[in-house]
Amino acid sequence: MRGVLVTGASRGIGRAVARAFAARGDRVAVHYASSRAQAERTLAELPGEGHVLVDGDLGDPAAAERIAQAAEERLGGVDVLVNNAAVATSAANAHPVAEVSYEDWQRVWREMVDVNLLGAANLGYCVARRLIARGAPGRIVHIGSRGAFRGEPDHPAYGASKAALHALGQSLAVALAPHGISVTSVAPGFTATDRVADRLTGASGLALREQSPFGRVGTPEEVAAAVLYLASPEATWASGTVLDLNGASHLRL
């Protein structure tokens, strides 16, 4: 039984990941930034015992340290970190170069980089240092995006932050291997969550499903299954991997 910290676990992919770990008997720290009611729902749905809530804004470096400390204390040690929390793309934070003001451009870049990249980097540091101090092996899994490879023209900060997250994972994989810590990333394509349900209706939904030759989009449970594998002892040799998970909707050559 391991201690697992899942960030952004109040809904969507994070909730599915938390469920997957709990189902195999692990103790899960459900992290949230502001959606406490949704996080409590996730917690209530987890099988088993010993699960906890932790909160904090990952855009704040001091909060990352507090989150790591709280999860460590309440779980009796964090063995697996899943960096899932992110400022996701939406119509409200679109920032195409030709259309957005310089002020809004800077604001969106700061918001996305602070959480998607620096928040994950800071929390990864705090968890890794605790693992090293305990002399314990561990796993860090980043939730990236296919947008890191195919581009995000309306949300360039998102694509860039996810590309940097993948690169961070590979750098940490090399740095932390001598300490028995594996670091990997998953790069999902479009995934059906409550947050994006409106985009899966009508013509937009058809276009999204047609991106994959399977004629559908991914599910949070499929992402969770990949995370579960990468965090397993059997996947140690996969450290440094960026696993594409997009139903052949984007292929890297």
Protein backbone atom coordinates (compact mmCIF):
# COMPACT_ATOMS: atom_id res chain seq x y z
CA MET A 1 0.00 0.00 0.00
CA ARG A 2 1.49 3.31 -1.12
CA GLY A 3 0.77 6.95 -0.41
CA VAL A 4 -0.32 8.73 -3.60
CA LEU A 5 -0.74 12.49 -4.07
CA VAL A 6 -2.93 13.41 -7.04
CA THR A 7 -3.16 17.12 -7.84
CA GLY A 8 -6.29 18.58 -9.36
CA ALA A 9 -8.25 15.52 -8.25
CA SER A 10 -11.60 17.20 -7.69
CA ARG A 11 -12.91 16.13 -11.10
CA GLY A 12 -12.05 14.81 -14.56
CA ILE A 13 -8.77 13.01 -15.13
CA GLY A 14 -7.58 13.68 -11.58
CA ARG A 15 -10.66 12.06 -10.10
CA ALA A 16 -10.27 9.00 -12.35
CA VAL A 17 -6.60 8.69 -11.38
CA ALA A 18 -7.45 8.92 -7.67
CA ARG A 19 -10.09 6.20 -8.09
CA ALA A 20 -7.67 3.92 -9.93
CA PHE A 21 -5.03 4.08 -7.21
CA ALA A 22 -7.59 3.67 -4.42
CA ALA A 23 -9.06 0.63 -6.19
CA ARG A 24 -5.70 -1.12 -6.00
CA GLY A 25 -5.44 -0.47 -2.28
CA ASP A 26 -3.33 2.69 -2.17
CA ARG A 27 -3.99 5.64 0.15
CA VAL A 28 -4.74 8.80 -1.84
CA ALA A 29 -4.34 12.49 -1.05
CA VAL A 30 -6.97 14.31 -3.11
CA HIS A 31 -5.63 17.77 -3.90
CA TYR A 32 -7.79 20.69 -4.93
CA ALA A 33 -7.29 24.43 -5.31
CA SER A 34 -10.80 25.85 -4.84
CA SER A 35 -13.47 23.22 -5.60
CA ARG A 36 -13.78 21.73 -2.12
CA ALA A 37 -17.27 20.28 -2.70
CA GLN A 38 -16.07 18.43 -5.80
CA ALA A 39 -12.95 17.23 -3.99
CA GLU A 40 -15.10 15.92 -1.14
CA ARG A 41 -17.17 14.04 -3.70
CA THR A 42 -14.02 12.45 -5.08
CA LEU A 43 -12.93 11.51 -1.57
CA ALA A 44 -16.32 9.96 -0.78
CA GLU A 45 -16.19 7.83 -3.93
CA LEU A 46 -12.78 6.30 -3.20
CA PRO A 47 -12.80 2.67 -2.08
CA GLY A 48 -10.70 1.70 0.91
CA GLU A 49 -9.49 3.75 3.85
CA GLY A 50 -6.84 6.32 4.74
CA HIS A 51 -7.63 8.82 1.99
CA VAL A 52 -7.30 12.54 2.74
CA LEU A 53 -7.93 16.00 1.31
CA VAL A 54 -5.19 18.59 0.77
CA ASP A 55 -5.72 22.03 -0.67
CA GLY A 56 -3.57 24.82 -2.05
CA ASP A 57 -2.91 27.00 -5.08
CA LEU A 58 0.00 25.45 -6.99
CA GLY A 59 0.68 28.83 -8.57
CA ASP A 60 2.10 29.82 -5.17
CA PRO A 61 5.54 28.29 -4.45
CA ALA A 62 4.92 28.39 -0.70
CA ALA A 63 1.66 26.48 -1.18
CA ALA A 64 3.48 23.70 -3.04
CA GLU A 65 5.66 23.12 0.01
CA ARG A 66 2.61 23.11 2.30
CA ILE A 67 0.81 20.62 0.03
CA ALA A 68 3.78 18.26 0.02
CA GLN A 69 4.14 18.48 3.79
CA ALA A 70 0.43 17.95 4.46
CA ALA A 71 0.25 14.93 2.15
CA GLU A 72 3.41 13.46 3.69
CA GLU A 73 2.05 13.77 7.21
CA ARG A 74 -1.50 12.63 6.52
CA LEU A 75 -0.55 9.65 4.35
CA GLY A 76 2.51 8.64 6.33
CA GLY A 77 4.66 9.32 3.28
CA VAL A 78 4.11 10.13 -0.41
CA ASP A 79 5.43 7.38 -2.67
CA VAL A 80 3.72 8.51 -5.88
CA LEU A 81 3.06 12.03 -7.14
CA VAL A 82 0.72 12.60 -10.07
CA ASN A 83 1.07 16.17 -11.33
CA ASN A 84 -2.32 16.59 -12.96
CA ALA A 85 -3.47 20.06 -11.87
CA ALA A 86 -3.41 22.62 -14.66
CA VAL A 87 -4.98 25.77 -16.00
CA ALA A 88 -6.81 24.17 -18.93
CA THR A 89 -7.76 25.72 -22.25
CA SER A 90 -11.08 27.51 -22.53
CA ALA A 91 -12.72 30.24 -24.56
CA ALA A 92 -12.07 32.63 -21.68
CA ASN A 93 -8.29 32.19 -21.78
CA ALA A 94 -7.74 31.93 -25.53
CA HIS A 95 -4.86 34.17 -26.59
CA PRO A 96 -4.16 33.95 -30.34
CA VAL A 97 -1.34 36.34 -31.22
CA ALA A 98 -3.28 38.27 -33.84
CA GLU A 99 -6.28 38.95 -31.62
CA VAL A 100 -5.30 39.36 -27.98
CA SER A 101 -3.94 42.45 -26.24
CA TYR A 102 -0.40 42.42 -24.89
CA GLU A 103 -1.77 42.79 -21.36
CA ASP A 104 -4.00 39.73 -21.72
CA TRP A 105 -1.19 37.83 -23.44
CA GLN A 106 1.07 38.34 -20.43
CA ARG A 107 -1.68 37.52 -17.93
CA VAL A 108 -2.59 34.18 -19.51
CA TRP A 109 1.04 33.15 -19.95
CA ARG A 110 1.75 33.86 -16.28
CA GLU A 111 -1.33 31.96 -15.07
CA MET A 112 -0.58 28.88 -17.17
CA VAL A 113 3.15 28.74 -16.59
CA ASP A 114 2.79 29.34 -12.84
CA VAL A 115 0.51 26.32 -12.39
CA ASN A 116 1.14 23.98 -15.32
CA LEU A 117 4.93 24.12 -15.17
CA LEU A 118 6.27 25.86 -12.07
CA GLY A 119 3.64 24.37 -9.77
CA ALA A 120 4.49 20.87 -11.00
CA ALA A 121 8.22 21.58 -10.77
CA ASN A 122 7.97 22.93 -7.22
CA LEU A 123 5.78 20.11 -5.96
CA GLY A 124 7.98 17.54 -7.69
CA TYR A 125 11.01 19.02 -5.95
CA CYS A 126 9.33 18.94 -2.54
CA VAL A 127 8.12 15.35 -2.91
CA ALA A 128 11.43 14.13 -4.37
CA ARG A 129 13.44 15.65 -1.55
CA ARG A 130 11.27 13.86 0.98
CA LEU A 131 11.66 10.56 -0.86
CA ILE A 132 15.43 11.01 -0.92
CA ALA A 133 15.47 11.83 2.80
CA ARG A 134 13.51 8.66 3.53
CA GLY A 135 15.72 6.61 1.22
CA ALA A 136 12.53 5.41 -0.48
CA PRO A 137 11.92 4.63 -4.16
CA GLY A 138 9.15 6.65 -5.76
CA ARG A 139 7.23 7.59 -8.87
CA ILE A 140 6.39 10.97 -10.38
CA VAL A 141 3.96 11.03 -13.29
CA HIS A 142 3.17 14.23 -15.20
CA ILE A 143 -0.06 14.72 -17.11
CA GLY A 144 1.03 16.56 -20.24
CA SER A 145 -0.75 16.92 -23.57
CA ARG A 146 -0.56 16.08 -27.25
CA GLY A 147 -0.76 19.87 -27.66
CA ALA A 148 2.90 19.96 -26.72
CA PHE A 149 3.63 18.29 -30.07
CA ARG A 150 0.87 19.34 -32.47
CA GLY A 151 0.68 22.95 -31.27
CA GLU A 152 -2.04 25.04 -29.65
CA PRO A 153 -2.49 28.09 -31.92
CA ASP A 154 -5.26 29.62 -29.81
CA HIS A 155 -3.59 28.66 -26.52
CA PRO A 156 0.18 28.83 -27.12
CA ALA A 157 0.97 29.21 -23.42
CA TYR A 158 -0.81 25.92 -22.73
CA GLY A 159 1.09 24.06 -25.45
CA ALA A 160 4.39 25.55 -24.32
CA SER A 161 3.77 24.77 -20.64
CA LYS A 162 2.96 21.15 -21.45
CA ALA A 163 6.01 20.78 -23.70
CA ALA A 164 8.13 22.16 -20.88
CA LEU A 165 6.45 19.75 -18.45
CA HIS A 166 7.47 16.81 -20.66
CA ALA A 167 11.04 18.14 -20.80
CA LEU A 168 11.06 18.62 -17.03
CA GLY A 169 10.04 15.00 -16.59
CA GLN A 170 12.89 13.78 -18.77
CA SER A 171 15.44 15.92 -16.93
CA LEU A 172 14.19 14.68 -13.57
CA ALA A 173 14.20 11.10 -14.80
CA VAL A 174 17.96 11.32 -15.30
CA ALA A 175 18.58 13.29 -12.11
CA LEU A 176 16.47 11.11 -9.81
CA ALA A 177 17.21 7.61 -11.15
CA PRO A 178 20.21 7.19 -8.80
CA HIS A 179 17.74 7.69 -5.94
CA GLY A 180 15.35 5.03 -7.22
CA ILE A 181 12.76 7.58 -8.37
CA SER A 182 11.14 7.08 -11.79
CA VAL A 183 9.69 10.08 -13.64
CA THR A 184 7.37 9.75 -16.64
CA SER A 185 4.73 11.71 -18.52
CA VAL A 186 1.45 10.97 -20.26
CA ALA A 187 0.41 13.08 -23.26
CA PRO A 188 -3.36 12.66 -23.67
CA GLY A 189 -5.36 13.88 -26.61
CA PHE A 190 -8.84 15.34 -26.18
CA THR A 191 -10.45 13.62 -23.21
CA ALA A 192 -14.16 13.57 -22.34
CA THR A 193 -14.62 15.22 -18.95
CA ASP A 194 -17.46 17.21 -17.42
CA ARG A 195 -15.54 20.42 -17.98
CA VAL A 196 -15.53 20.02 -21.77
CA ALA A 197 -18.90 18.28 -22.21
CA ASP A 198 -20.30 21.24 -24.17
CA ARG A 199 -17.52 20.91 -26.77
CA LEU A 200 -18.55 17.33 -27.53
CA THR A 201 -21.98 18.26 -28.84
CA GLY A 202 -22.96 19.22 -32.38
CA ALA A 203 -20.45 20.00 -35.11
CA SER A 204 -17.59 20.66 -32.71
CA GLY A 205 -18.06 17.26 -31.09
CA LEU A 206 -18.13 15.54 -34.47
CA ALA A 207 -14.93 17.28 -35.51
CA LEU A 208 -13.20 16.26 -32.30
CA ARG A 209 -14.24 12.63 -32.66
CA GLU A 210 -13.13 12.58 -36.28
CA GLN A 211 -9.58 13.51 -35.22
CA SER A 212 -9.08 9.87 -34.23
CA PRO A 213 -9.51 6.94 -36.64
CA PHE A 214 -11.38 5.24 -33.78
CA GLY A 215 -14.09 7.86 -34.23
CA ARG A 216 -14.19 8.94 -30.59
CA VAL A 217 -12.27 10.87 -27.94
CA GLY A 218 -10.45 9.47 -24.94
CA THR A 219 -11.81 8.82 -21.46
CA PRO A 220 -10.40 9.80 -18.07
CA GLU A 221 -10.28 6.11 -17.16
CA GLU A 222 -7.95 5.39 -20.09
CA VAL A 223 -5.57 8.10 -18.90
CA ALA A 224 -5.80 6.74 -15.36
CA ALA A 225 -4.90 3.23 -16.55
CA ALA A 226 -1.77 4.59 -18.22
CA VAL A 227 -0.79 6.50 -15.07
CA LEU A 228 -1.34 3.40 -12.96
CA TYR A 229 1.03 1.43 -15.18
CA LEU A 230 3.73 4.12 -15.24
CA ALA A 231 3.59 4.35 -11.45
CA SER A 232 3.95 0.59 -11.04
CA PRO A 233 7.18 -1.23 -10.10
CA GLU A 234 7.03 -2.99 -13.46
CA ALA A 235 7.41 0.35 -15.27
CA THR A 236 10.70 1.42 -13.68
CA TRP A 237 12.49 0.96 -17.00
CA ALA A 238 10.04 3.35 -18.65
CA SER A 239 11.48 6.29 -16.70
CA GLY A 240 11.90 9.28 -19.00
CA THR A 241 9.04 8.16 -21.24
CA VAL A 242 6.44 10.49 -22.69
CA LEU A 243 3.52 8.18 -23.44
CA ASP A 244 1.24 9.31 -26.26
CA LEU A 245 -2.40 8.55 -25.47
CA ASN A 246 -4.48 10.07 -28.22
CA GLY A 247 -6.08 7.29 -30.26
CA ALA A 248 -3.74 7.88 -33.21
CA SER A 249 -5.10 11.41 -33.57
CA HIS A 250 -1.54 12.75 -33.63
CA LEU A 251 1.53 10.71 -34.49
CA ARG A 252 5.10 11.77 -33.80
CA LEU A 253 7.61 10.65 -36.42
